[in-house]
Amino acid sequence: MNSDGTISGLASGSEMADFLLSAIVDSSEDAIISKDLDGVIRSWNKSAERLFGYTADEAIGNTVAVLLIPGDRQQEEPDILARLKKGERVDHFETLRRRKDGSLIDISLTISPVTDRQGRIIGASKVARDIAQRKKSEKRLREQAYLLDMSSDAIIVCDAQDRIVDWNKAAERTYGFSLQQAVGRISHELLHTEFPVPLPTIRVILLRDGRWLGELIHVCRGGSRIITLSRWVAERDKNGDLIRILEWNNDITERVHVQEELRRANRDLEQFAFSASHDLQEPLRNIKIYSELLAREFGDNLHPEARRYMEYLRSGATRMEMLVRDLLAYTRAGQPDEPTEMTNASEALQAALSVLSDAITEAGARITSDPMPTVQVRATHLQHLFQNLIDNAIKYRSPDRSPRVHVGSERQDLKWDFTVTDNGIGIQPEYNENIFGLFKRLHTSDKYSGMGIGLAICRRIMDRYPGRIWVESEPGKGSTFHFTLPV
């Protein structure tokens, strides 16, 4: 005990408490300010300096109204002071305050009355928290929610455990569940999702690539089943861990059904064409054979007019036989085949040239080629592409020069661009697309042979692959046919 009767330990404890309190206030992330009942600032911590830009020396002694409150919000301070004088707290009051540089900042205020030892209210303690970032985030979320609701696709946001956290208006219309009914549910349990491959496999792809695309079957609230084209995108944190999954679902049920009906009709039509073409071969062969026998055995006894009619008969049967053969090739090009294989394009080209050897020799054509890659295509399909395009190049040669044909290949990203370039008669630009139609001919059969099916077969083959076929040509200078195939 000291000579004056005080206990030194208690005095030191009080000083230590004041020191600790001051340290806590200064280390707070929030701006902590005290003011009297006239709004005059009495204390100002380090976070207040960082938030508003004023030092404690600049702030203390000034009123909050003059220093911080924008002109259009001056009434806020008298209202707050009036409530404090009644002993009321102000909790989480969101407003704007002006910084030293004149900029405005969004803050949340919590203000409590301060009393003296007799319980009289003598001032206020104010905690100001910067909520600018939160306001920006809320605005961004509102904008995102608006855009999500504007979308015609059903958009579902799920957390890392597949629980639904958001569900736009289109999802409500598509599936029949409201946002409140959907949030918190496991998405594939709510919609009884049928996946094209196991869900764990999809998640592996999603985590590896950041996205996934495929068709899903969902069951709506009323029990109807729909087919959706679904796109998933993974959102990750800075450590790469999955935060949420954004899922776009476009109802393609009607389109799939129409496509299936169209495929079924095409299959029926192809089967009819195949059967009809196959069944026509035998009678046509008989007509051709017996007309030739008649001409050989009795030709000398026939009237010249009858012999001419017999030649018409034989010529027509030959053309019909060629037409039936080409129709069979066309229908076979669209029929289901074995899975796509990796094919050496050089071997397919050589096979095509072997079939065309007589035509090449007869025309005196010179065929050259680049080194050919290995591509993902059926060998017979690639052979038919080369065969038809080179045959066309030889057939439509210029009368002024020997045919020259070059087969090229060039890698372009995930595909190969094949070209067949000739020095033939060329094609008028307006016919560049028409020539791929069935029975489309630009010249009469007495000038150039053929049924107008070769290029249609090429287009039909290309329809089976993720590629395309087209021509670039200049009349009198030749043509270049392109077709692309996946690597």
Protein backbone atom coordinates (compact mmCIF):
# COMPACT_ATOMS: atom_id res chain seq x y z
CA MET A 1 0.00 0.00 0.00
CA ASN A 2 1.22 3.52 -0.82
CA SER A 3 1.53 6.30 1.74
CA ASP A 4 -1.63 7.91 0.31
CA GLY A 5 -3.60 4.70 0.88
CA THR A 6 -3.88 3.64 -2.80
CA ILE A 7 -2.84 0.23 -3.96
CA SER A 8 -0.15 0.55 -6.65
CA GLY A 9 -1.16 -2.73 -8.20
CA LEU A 10 -4.71 -1.53 -8.83
CA ALA A 11 -3.45 1.73 -10.36
CA SER A 12 -1.14 -0.23 -12.66
CA GLY A 13 -4.00 -2.55 -13.58
CA SER A 14 -6.24 0.35 -14.53
CA GLU A 15 -3.51 1.87 -16.66
CA MET A 16 -2.91 -1.51 -18.30
CA ALA A 17 -6.65 -1.86 -19.09
CA ASP A 18 -6.71 1.59 -20.67
CA PHE A 19 -3.63 0.70 -22.69
CA LEU A 20 -5.13 -2.59 -23.88
CA LEU A 21 -8.43 -0.93 -24.79
CA SER A 22 -6.61 1.73 -26.80
CA ALA A 23 -4.58 -0.96 -28.58
CA ILE A 24 -7.71 -2.93 -29.44
CA VAL A 25 -9.46 0.16 -30.81
CA ASP A 26 -6.47 1.11 -32.97
CA SER A 27 -6.02 -2.42 -34.32
CA SER A 28 -9.68 -2.79 -35.32
CA GLU A 29 -10.46 -3.15 -39.02
CA ASP A 30 -13.48 -0.91 -38.49
CA ALA A 31 -13.38 2.85 -38.08
CA ILE A 32 -14.19 3.61 -34.41
CA ILE A 33 -15.13 7.20 -33.58
CA SER A 34 -16.55 8.86 -30.50
CA LYS A 35 -18.46 12.15 -30.50
CA ASP A 36 -20.37 14.30 -28.07
CA LEU A 37 -24.05 15.12 -28.26
CA ASP A 38 -23.31 18.09 -30.52
CA GLY A 39 -21.70 15.75 -33.06
CA VAL A 40 -18.16 16.96 -32.33
CA ILE A 41 -15.55 14.24 -32.86
CA ARG A 42 -13.61 13.35 -29.65
CA SER A 43 -11.61 10.28 -30.74
CA TRP A 44 -10.51 8.80 -34.08
CA ASN A 45 -8.71 5.45 -34.51
CA LYS A 46 -6.23 4.29 -37.17
CA SER A 47 -8.90 2.57 -39.26
CA ALA A 48 -10.88 5.84 -39.35
CA GLU A 49 -7.76 7.48 -40.80
CA ARG A 50 -7.48 4.75 -43.47
CA LEU A 51 -11.20 4.79 -44.30
CA PHE A 52 -11.83 8.55 -44.47
CA GLY A 53 -8.34 9.91 -45.21
CA TYR A 54 -8.19 12.37 -42.28
CA THR A 55 -5.62 12.07 -39.50
CA ALA A 56 -6.81 12.17 -35.89
CA ASP A 57 -5.46 15.75 -35.54
CA GLU A 58 -7.50 16.81 -38.58
CA ALA A 59 -10.68 15.09 -37.44
CA ILE A 60 -10.87 15.67 -33.68
CA GLY A 61 -12.71 18.88 -32.85
CA ASN A 62 -14.66 18.94 -36.11
CA THR A 63 -18.27 17.89 -36.34
CA VAL A 64 -19.25 14.74 -38.19
CA ALA A 65 -21.75 16.74 -40.25
CA VAL A 66 -19.12 19.15 -41.60
CA LEU A 67 -16.32 16.63 -42.05
CA LEU A 68 -18.04 13.48 -43.39
CA ILE A 69 -21.69 13.86 -44.34
CA PRO A 70 -22.60 14.80 -47.96
CA GLY A 71 -24.84 17.80 -48.46
CA ASP A 72 -27.89 15.80 -49.49
CA ARG A 73 -27.70 13.69 -46.30
CA GLN A 74 -27.26 16.42 -43.67
CA GLN A 75 -30.56 15.54 -41.99
CA GLU A 76 -29.20 12.14 -40.99
CA GLU A 77 -27.00 13.52 -38.21
CA PRO A 78 -29.72 15.44 -36.29
CA ASP A 79 -31.97 12.37 -36.51
CA ILE A 80 -29.20 10.12 -35.17
CA LEU A 81 -28.33 12.52 -32.33
CA ALA A 82 -32.01 12.78 -31.38
CA ARG A 83 -32.24 9.00 -31.09
CA LEU A 84 -29.04 8.81 -29.04
CA LYS A 85 -30.32 11.39 -26.55
CA LYS A 86 -33.28 9.04 -26.01
CA GLY A 87 -30.85 6.23 -25.23
CA GLU A 88 -31.54 4.36 -28.48
CA ARG A 89 -28.94 2.46 -30.52
CA VAL A 90 -28.57 2.75 -34.26
CA ASP A 91 -27.71 -0.65 -35.72
CA HIS A 92 -26.29 -1.33 -39.20
CA PHE A 93 -27.44 1.92 -40.72
CA GLU A 94 -26.24 1.90 -44.35
CA THR A 95 -25.43 5.25 -45.89
CA LEU A 96 -22.84 7.27 -47.81
CA ARG A 97 -20.00 9.31 -46.31
CA ARG A 98 -17.52 11.71 -47.91
CA ARG A 99 -13.79 11.03 -47.73
CA LYS A 100 -11.09 13.70 -47.58
CA ASP A 101 -10.50 13.49 -51.34
CA GLY A 102 -14.19 14.17 -51.97
CA SER A 103 -15.11 10.65 -53.02
CA LEU A 104 -18.17 8.96 -51.52
CA ILE A 105 -17.98 5.58 -49.83
CA ASP A 106 -20.67 3.09 -48.79
CA ILE A 107 -20.54 2.39 -45.05
CA SER A 108 -22.57 0.65 -42.38
CA LEU A 109 -22.88 2.52 -39.06
CA THR A 110 -23.53 1.10 -35.60
CA ILE A 111 -23.90 3.90 -33.05
CA SER A 112 -24.33 3.45 -29.28
CA PRO A 113 -24.94 6.08 -26.58
CA VAL A 114 -22.09 6.69 -24.07
CA THR A 115 -22.99 7.49 -20.43
CA ASP A 116 -21.06 8.95 -17.51
CA ARG A 117 -20.86 7.38 -14.03
CA GLN A 118 -24.24 8.83 -13.14
CA GLY A 119 -25.82 7.22 -16.22
CA ARG A 120 -26.28 10.44 -18.10
CA ILE A 121 -25.85 10.26 -21.88
CA ILE A 122 -22.85 12.41 -22.77
CA GLY A 123 -21.96 11.24 -26.28
CA ALA A 124 -21.83 8.36 -28.70
CA SER A 125 -19.52 5.63 -29.89
CA LYS A 126 -19.66 5.01 -33.63
CA VAL A 127 -18.38 1.96 -35.55
CA ALA A 128 -18.17 2.56 -39.32
CA ARG A 129 -17.58 -0.41 -41.62
CA ASP A 130 -16.60 -0.12 -45.28
CA ILE A 131 -19.25 -1.99 -47.30
CA ALA A 132 -18.25 -0.72 -50.75
CA GLN A 133 -17.02 -4.14 -51.88
CA ARG A 134 -20.14 -5.81 -50.56
CA LYS A 135 -22.31 -3.30 -52.41
CA LYS A 136 -20.41 -3.99 -55.63
CA SER A 137 -20.84 -7.72 -55.11
CA GLU A 138 -24.55 -7.31 -54.42
CA LYS A 139 -24.95 -5.17 -57.53
CA ARG A 140 -23.08 -7.73 -59.61
CA LEU A 141 -25.25 -10.51 -58.20
CA ARG A 142 -28.42 -8.53 -58.95
CA GLU A 143 -27.24 -7.95 -62.50
CA GLN A 144 -26.35 -11.61 -62.87
CA ALA A 145 -29.70 -12.66 -61.46
CA TYR A 146 -31.46 -10.34 -63.91
CA LEU A 147 -29.51 -11.77 -66.83
CA LEU A 148 -30.17 -15.31 -65.63
CA ASP A 149 -33.89 -14.59 -65.48
CA MET A 150 -33.79 -13.03 -68.95
CA SER A 151 -32.35 -16.25 -70.40
CA SER A 152 -34.67 -18.68 -72.17
CA ASP A 153 -32.47 -21.56 -70.97
CA ALA A 154 -33.10 -23.21 -67.62
CA ILE A 155 -30.08 -22.15 -65.53
CA ILE A 156 -29.19 -23.99 -62.34
CA VAL A 157 -26.40 -23.04 -59.96
CA CYS A 158 -25.19 -25.84 -57.66
CA ASP A 159 -22.55 -25.95 -54.95
CA ALA A 160 -19.71 -28.46 -54.88
CA GLN A 161 -22.06 -31.08 -53.37
CA ASP A 162 -24.63 -30.66 -56.21
CA ARG A 163 -27.07 -28.80 -53.96
CA ILE A 164 -29.06 -26.15 -55.82
CA VAL A 165 -28.25 -22.60 -54.68
CA ASP A 166 -29.97 -20.68 -57.51
CA TRP A 167 -32.65 -21.42 -60.09
CA ASN A 168 -33.81 -18.93 -62.70
CA LYS A 169 -37.32 -18.19 -64.00
CA ALA A 170 -36.79 -20.36 -67.09
CA ALA A 171 -35.93 -23.29 -64.80
CA GLU A 172 -39.21 -22.72 -62.96
CA ARG A 173 -41.11 -22.74 -66.26
CA THR A 174 -39.24 -25.75 -67.62
CA TYR A 175 -39.37 -28.04 -64.60
CA GLY A 176 -42.38 -26.76 -62.66
CA PHE A 177 -40.53 -26.26 -59.34
CA SER A 178 -40.28 -22.81 -57.78
CA LEU A 179 -36.99 -21.37 -56.56
CA GLN A 180 -37.99 -22.07 -52.95
CA GLN A 181 -38.83 -25.69 -53.78
CA ALA A 182 -35.54 -26.24 -55.62
CA VAL A 183 -32.94 -24.52 -53.43
CA GLY A 184 -31.11 -26.92 -51.14
CA ARG A 185 -32.10 -30.04 -53.12
CA ILE A 186 -29.60 -32.28 -54.93
CA SER A 187 -30.20 -31.36 -58.56
CA HIS A 188 -30.01 -34.82 -60.14
CA GLU A 189 -32.22 -36.26 -57.37
CA LEU A 190 -34.85 -33.53 -57.79
CA LEU A 191 -34.95 -34.00 -61.58
CA HIS A 192 -34.28 -37.78 -61.65
CA THR A 193 -31.52 -37.07 -64.16
CA GLU A 194 -30.50 -39.76 -66.65
CA PHE A 195 -26.88 -39.25 -67.72
CA PRO A 196 -25.29 -40.45 -70.98
CA VAL A 197 -22.30 -41.67 -68.95
CA PRO A 198 -21.90 -42.20 -65.19
CA LEU A 199 -21.98 -38.96 -63.15
CA PRO A 200 -18.48 -39.57 -61.66
CA THR A 201 -17.10 -39.66 -65.21
CA ILE A 202 -18.78 -36.35 -66.01
CA ARG A 203 -17.34 -34.79 -62.85
CA VAL A 204 -13.84 -35.98 -63.80
CA ILE A 205 -14.20 -34.26 -67.20
CA LEU A 206 -15.66 -31.14 -65.57
CA LEU A 207 -12.82 -30.84 -63.07
CA ARG A 208 -10.21 -31.56 -65.74
CA ASP A 209 -11.51 -29.26 -68.49
CA GLY A 210 -13.62 -26.79 -66.50
CA ARG A 211 -16.68 -27.56 -68.66
CA TRP A 212 -18.86 -30.39 -69.93
CA LEU A 213 -21.45 -30.65 -72.72
CA GLY A 214 -23.96 -33.42 -73.30
CA GLU A 215 -27.59 -34.47 -73.49
CA LEU A 216 -29.53 -35.25 -70.30
CA ILE A 217 -33.00 -36.60 -69.62
CA HIS A 218 -34.90 -34.82 -66.82
CA VAL A 219 -38.24 -35.53 -65.19
CA CYS A 220 -40.40 -32.45 -64.56
CA ARG A 221 -42.69 -31.90 -61.57
CA GLY A 222 -45.70 -33.15 -63.49
CA GLY A 223 -43.92 -36.38 -64.45
CA SER A 224 -43.13 -35.51 -68.08
CA ARG A 225 -39.68 -36.42 -69.39
CA ILE A 226 -37.67 -33.91 -71.39
CA ILE A 227 -34.35 -34.07 -73.23
CA THR A 228 -31.98 -31.17 -72.60
CA LEU A 229 -28.74 -30.04 -74.17
CA SER A 230 -26.78 -29.34 -71.00
CA ARG A 231 -23.66 -27.18 -70.61
CA TRP A 232 -21.79 -27.25 -67.29
CA VAL A 233 -19.11 -24.76 -66.23
CA ALA A 234 -17.02 -25.18 -63.06
CA GLU A 235 -16.14 -22.18 -60.87
CA ARG A 236 -13.03 -22.64 -58.72
CA ASP A 237 -11.37 -20.73 -55.90
CA LYS A 238 -7.76 -19.49 -56.01
CA ASN A 239 -6.58 -22.90 -54.83
CA GLY A 240 -8.35 -24.65 -57.69
CA ASP A 241 -11.03 -26.22 -55.50
CA LEU A 242 -14.56 -26.43 -56.89
CA ILE A 243 -16.90 -23.73 -55.54
CA ARG A 244 -20.01 -24.13 -57.68
CA ILE A 245 -21.31 -25.46 -60.97
CA LEU A 246 -23.26 -23.31 -63.42
CA GLU A 247 -25.56 -25.43 -65.60
CA TRP A 248 -27.44 -24.27 -68.73
CA ASN A 249 -30.20 -26.61 -69.89
CA ASN A 250 -31.92 -26.09 -73.24
CA ASP A 251 -35.05 -28.19 -73.83
CA ILE A 252 -34.46 -29.99 -77.16
CA THR A 253 -37.16 -32.65 -76.74
CA GLU A 254 -39.20 -31.58 -79.76
CA ARG A 255 -36.11 -31.17 -81.91
CA VAL A 256 -34.82 -34.63 -80.99
CA HIS A 257 -38.21 -36.20 -81.78
CA VAL A 258 -38.37 -34.42 -85.15
CA GLN A 259 -34.81 -35.51 -85.94
CA GLU A 260 -35.65 -39.09 -85.00
CA GLU A 261 -38.73 -39.03 -87.26
CA LEU A 262 -36.61 -37.59 -90.06
CA ARG A 263 -33.95 -40.25 -89.56
CA ARG A 264 -36.62 -42.95 -89.59
CA ALA A 265 -38.12 -41.56 -92.80
CA ASN A 266 -34.67 -41.33 -94.36
CA ARG A 267 -33.90 -44.91 -93.37
CA ASP A 268 -37.17 -46.08 -94.95
CA LEU A 269 -36.46 -44.08 -98.09
CA GLU A 270 -32.90 -45.38 -98.29
CA GLN A 271 -34.08 -48.94 -97.80
CA PHE A 272 -36.65 -48.50 -100.57
CA ALA A 273 -34.06 -46.97 -102.91
CA PHE A 274 -31.58 -49.72 -102.07
CA SER A 275 -34.13 -52.48 -102.65
CA ALA A 276 -35.51 -50.90 -105.83
CA SER A 277 -32.04 -50.32 -107.23
CA HIS A 278 -30.94 -53.84 -106.36
CA ASP A 279 -34.07 -55.42 -107.85
CA LEU A 280 -33.73 -53.41 -111.08
CA GLN A 281 -30.27 -54.74 -111.83
CA GLU A 282 -31.40 -58.18 -113.00
CA PRO A 283 -34.06 -57.11 -115.54
CA LEU A 284 -31.76 -54.37 -116.87
CA ARG A 285 -29.00 -56.88 -117.29
CA ASN A 286 -31.38 -59.14 -119.21
CA ILE A 287 -32.48 -56.30 -121.49
CA LYS A 288 -28.87 -55.41 -122.20
CA ILE A 289 -27.76 -59.03 -122.80
CA TYR A 290 -30.69 -60.01 -125.01
CA SER A 291 -30.55 -56.83 -127.03
CA GLU A 292 -26.88 -57.54 -127.71
CA LEU A 293 -27.73 -61.16 -128.65
CA LEU A 294 -30.47 -59.99 -131.03
CA ALA A 295 -28.12 -57.53 -132.66
CA ARG A 296 -25.38 -60.14 -133.04
CA GLU A 297 -27.55 -63.08 -134.20
CA PHE A 298 -30.14 -61.32 -136.35
CA GLY A 299 -28.63 -57.95 -137.04
CA ASP A 300 -27.94 -58.66 -140.69
CA ASN A 301 -31.57 -59.62 -141.25
CA LEU A 302 -33.02 -56.53 -139.58
CA HIS A 303 -34.07 -53.36 -141.33
CA PRO A 304 -31.60 -50.49 -140.73
CA GLU A 305 -34.34 -48.65 -138.81
CA ALA A 306 -34.83 -51.72 -136.58
CA ARG A 307 -31.08 -51.95 -135.98
CA ARG A 308 -31.11 -48.27 -134.93
CA TYR A 309 -33.96 -48.96 -132.52
CA MET A 310 -32.02 -51.93 -131.13
CA GLU A 311 -29.02 -49.68 -130.50
CA TYR A 312 -31.25 -47.20 -128.66
CA LEU A 313 -32.51 -50.07 -126.54
CA ARG A 314 -29.03 -51.30 -125.69
CA SER A 315 -27.73 -47.76 -124.99
CA GLY A 316 -30.70 -46.96 -122.74
CA ALA A 317 -30.26 -50.19 -120.79
CA THR A 318 -26.54 -49.41 -120.32
CA ARG A 319 -27.31 -45.92 -119.02
CA MET A 320 -30.00 -47.27 -116.73
CA GLU A 321 -27.55 -49.87 -115.41
CA MET A 322 -25.05 -47.11 -114.65
CA LEU A 323 -27.75 -45.08 -112.95
CA VAL A 324 -28.83 -48.02 -110.78
CA ARG A 325 -25.22 -48.71 -109.86
CA ASP A 326 -24.67 -45.08 -108.83
CA LEU A 327 -27.91 -45.04 -106.84
CA LEU A 328 -26.75 -48.12 -104.96
CA ALA A 329 -23.47 -46.37 -104.19
CA TYR A 330 -25.38 -43.28 -103.01
CA THR A 331 -27.67 -45.22 -100.66
CA ARG A 332 -24.78 -47.27 -99.28
CA ALA A 333 -22.92 -44.04 -98.46
CA GLY A 334 -25.71 -43.12 -96.02
CA GLN A 335 -26.23 -46.50 -94.38
CA PRO A 336 -24.91 -47.29 -90.87
CA ASP A 337 -21.35 -48.54 -90.92
CA GLU A 338 -18.73 -49.76 -88.52
CA PRO A 339 -17.26 -47.24 -86.07
CA THR A 340 -14.87 -44.67 -87.53
CA GLU A 341 -11.30 -45.90 -87.77
CA MET A 342 -7.87 -44.33 -88.30
CA THR A 343 -7.08 -44.54 -92.01
CA ASN A 344 -3.86 -43.93 -93.92
CA ALA A 345 -4.91 -41.42 -96.58
CA SER A 346 -2.03 -42.47 -98.88
CA GLU A 347 -3.40 -46.02 -99.03
CA ALA A 348 -6.95 -44.76 -99.71
CA LEU A 349 -5.61 -42.54 -102.52
CA GLN A 350 -3.68 -45.41 -104.11
CA ALA A 351 -6.78 -47.61 -103.97
CA ALA A 352 -8.76 -44.90 -105.77
CA LEU A 353 -6.06 -44.46 -108.42
CA SER A 354 -6.01 -48.20 -109.00
CA VAL A 355 -9.74 -48.20 -109.80
CA LEU A 356 -9.28 -45.22 -112.12
CA SER A 357 -6.15 -46.53 -113.84
CA ASP A 358 -7.83 -47.12 -117.23
CA ALA A 359 -9.44 -43.67 -117.26
CA ILE A 360 -6.12 -42.05 -116.25
CA THR A 361 -4.24 -43.85 -119.03
CA GLU A 362 -6.88 -43.11 -121.66
CA ALA A 363 -6.93 -39.39 -120.83
CA GLY A 364 -3.15 -39.12 -120.49
CA ALA A 365 -3.69 -37.60 -117.06
CA ARG A 366 -0.88 -36.91 -114.61
CA ILE A 367 -1.78 -37.31 -110.93
CA THR A 368 0.51 -35.94 -108.18
CA SER A 369 0.04 -35.71 -104.42
CA ASP A 370 1.45 -34.37 -101.18
CA PRO A 371 2.46 -36.71 -98.35
CA MET A 372 -0.83 -37.90 -96.89
CA PRO A 373 -1.72 -38.06 -93.15
CA THR A 374 -3.61 -40.63 -91.10
CA VAL A 375 -7.15 -39.41 -90.39
CA GLN A 376 -10.25 -40.49 -88.50
CA VAL A 377 -12.50 -41.80 -91.29
CA ARG A 378 -13.68 -45.07 -92.83
CA ALA A 379 -11.15 -46.24 -95.44
CA THR A 380 -13.87 -46.97 -98.02
CA HIS A 381 -15.36 -43.48 -97.55
CA LEU A 382 -12.01 -41.75 -98.07
CA GLN A 383 -11.35 -43.90 -101.15
CA HIS A 384 -14.75 -42.92 -102.62
CA LEU A 385 -14.03 -39.23 -101.97
CA PHE A 386 -10.70 -39.36 -103.81
CA GLN A 387 -12.13 -41.57 -106.55
CA ASN A 388 -15.13 -39.38 -107.36
CA LEU A 389 -13.19 -36.10 -107.22
CA ILE A 390 -10.29 -37.35 -109.38
CA ASP A 391 -12.74 -38.99 -111.82
CA ASN A 392 -14.54 -35.64 -112.14
CA ALA A 393 -11.22 -33.85 -112.72
CA ILE A 394 -10.39 -36.26 -115.56
CA LYS A 395 -13.90 -36.23 -117.02
CA TYR A 396 -14.23 -32.44 -117.15
CA ARG A 397 -10.79 -31.84 -118.64
CA SER A 398 -10.00 -29.04 -121.05
CA PRO A 399 -9.79 -30.01 -124.73
CA ASP A 400 -6.71 -27.78 -125.05
CA ARG A 401 -4.42 -29.50 -122.53
CA SER A 402 -3.67 -32.81 -120.86
CA PRO A 403 -5.33 -33.20 -117.46
CA ARG A 404 -3.16 -32.44 -114.43
CA VAL A 405 -4.52 -33.30 -110.98
CA HIS A 406 -2.85 -32.63 -107.64
CA VAL A 407 -4.11 -34.08 -104.34
CA GLY A 408 -3.01 -31.97 -101.36
CA SER A 409 -3.38 -32.03 -97.57
CA GLU A 410 -2.82 -29.34 -94.95
CA ARG A 411 -3.19 -29.50 -91.15
CA GLN A 412 -5.49 -26.80 -89.73
CA ASP A 413 -5.90 -26.97 -85.93
CA LEU A 414 -7.93 -30.13 -85.23
CA LYS A 415 -8.71 -31.00 -88.85
CA TRP A 416 -7.06 -31.83 -92.16
CA ASP A 417 -7.98 -29.88 -95.29
CA PHE A 418 -7.71 -32.14 -98.35
CA THR A 419 -7.72 -30.62 -101.84
CA VAL A 420 -8.09 -32.05 -105.34
CA THR A 421 -6.93 -29.42 -107.85
CA ASP A 422 -7.27 -29.76 -111.63
CA ASN A 423 -6.63 -27.71 -114.77
CA GLY A 424 -9.99 -28.51 -116.34
CA ILE A 425 -12.84 -26.45 -117.72
CA GLY A 426 -13.80 -24.94 -114.34
CA ILE A 427 -17.23 -24.02 -112.97
CA GLN A 428 -19.23 -20.82 -112.99
CA PRO A 429 -19.40 -19.41 -109.40
CA GLU A 430 -23.22 -19.56 -109.27
CA TYR A 431 -23.07 -23.35 -109.60
CA ASN A 432 -20.51 -23.98 -106.82
CA GLU A 433 -23.17 -25.30 -104.46
CA ASN A 434 -25.64 -26.81 -106.94
CA ILE A 435 -23.15 -29.34 -108.30
CA PHE A 436 -23.35 -31.33 -105.04
CA GLY A 437 -27.06 -32.06 -105.53
CA LEU A 438 -28.37 -35.41 -106.69
CA PHE A 439 -28.60 -35.68 -110.52
CA LYS A 440 -27.24 -32.13 -110.91
CA ARG A 441 -25.42 -31.80 -114.23
CA LEU A 442 -24.01 -28.68 -115.91
CA HIS A 443 -23.46 -30.39 -119.28
CA THR A 444 -25.38 -32.78 -121.52
CA SER A 445 -24.60 -36.50 -121.37
CA ASP A 446 -23.52 -36.61 -125.01
CA LYS A 447 -20.66 -34.22 -124.18
CA TYR A 448 -19.66 -35.51 -120.74
CA SER A 449 -20.70 -38.94 -119.49
CA GLY A 450 -22.09 -39.66 -116.05
CA MET A 451 -25.33 -39.46 -114.07
CA GLY A 452 -24.63 -36.44 -111.87
CA ILE A 453 -24.35 -38.56 -108.72
CA GLY A 454 -20.59 -38.58 -107.95
CA LEU A 455 -20.45 -35.26 -106.11
CA ALA A 456 -23.75 -36.02 -104.35
CA ILE A 457 -22.10 -39.19 -102.98
CA CYS A 458 -19.16 -37.07 -101.76
CA ARG A 459 -21.54 -34.67 -99.96
CA ARG A 460 -23.45 -37.62 -98.48
CA ILE A 461 -20.23 -39.14 -97.14
CA MET A 462 -19.14 -35.80 -95.65
CA ASP A 463 -22.50 -35.46 -93.89
CA ARG A 464 -21.41 -38.38 -91.69
CA TYR A 465 -18.34 -36.55 -90.37
CA PRO A 466 -17.66 -33.28 -88.54
CA GLY A 467 -16.35 -31.67 -91.72
CA ARG A 468 -17.51 -30.12 -94.99
CA ILE A 469 -16.91 -30.19 -98.75
CA TRP A 470 -16.85 -27.24 -101.16
CA VAL A 471 -15.30 -26.05 -104.43
CA GLU A 472 -13.30 -23.03 -105.54
CA SER A 473 -13.20 -22.59 -109.30
CA GLU A 474 -12.62 -20.21 -112.18
CA PRO A 475 -14.07 -21.00 -115.61
CA GLY A 476 -11.39 -22.05 -118.07
CA LYS A 477 -8.69 -22.33 -115.37
CA GLY A 478 -9.72 -25.37 -113.38
CA SER A 479 -11.17 -26.19 -109.97
CA THR A 480 -10.05 -27.03 -106.44
CA PHE A 481 -12.33 -29.25 -104.39
CA HIS A 482 -11.82 -29.12 -100.60
CA PHE A 483 -13.00 -31.52 -97.93
CA THR A 484 -12.07 -31.52 -94.24
CA LEU A 485 -11.77 -34.45 -91.83
CA PRO A 486 -10.91 -34.65 -88.12
CA VAL A 487 -7.35 -35.40 -87.04
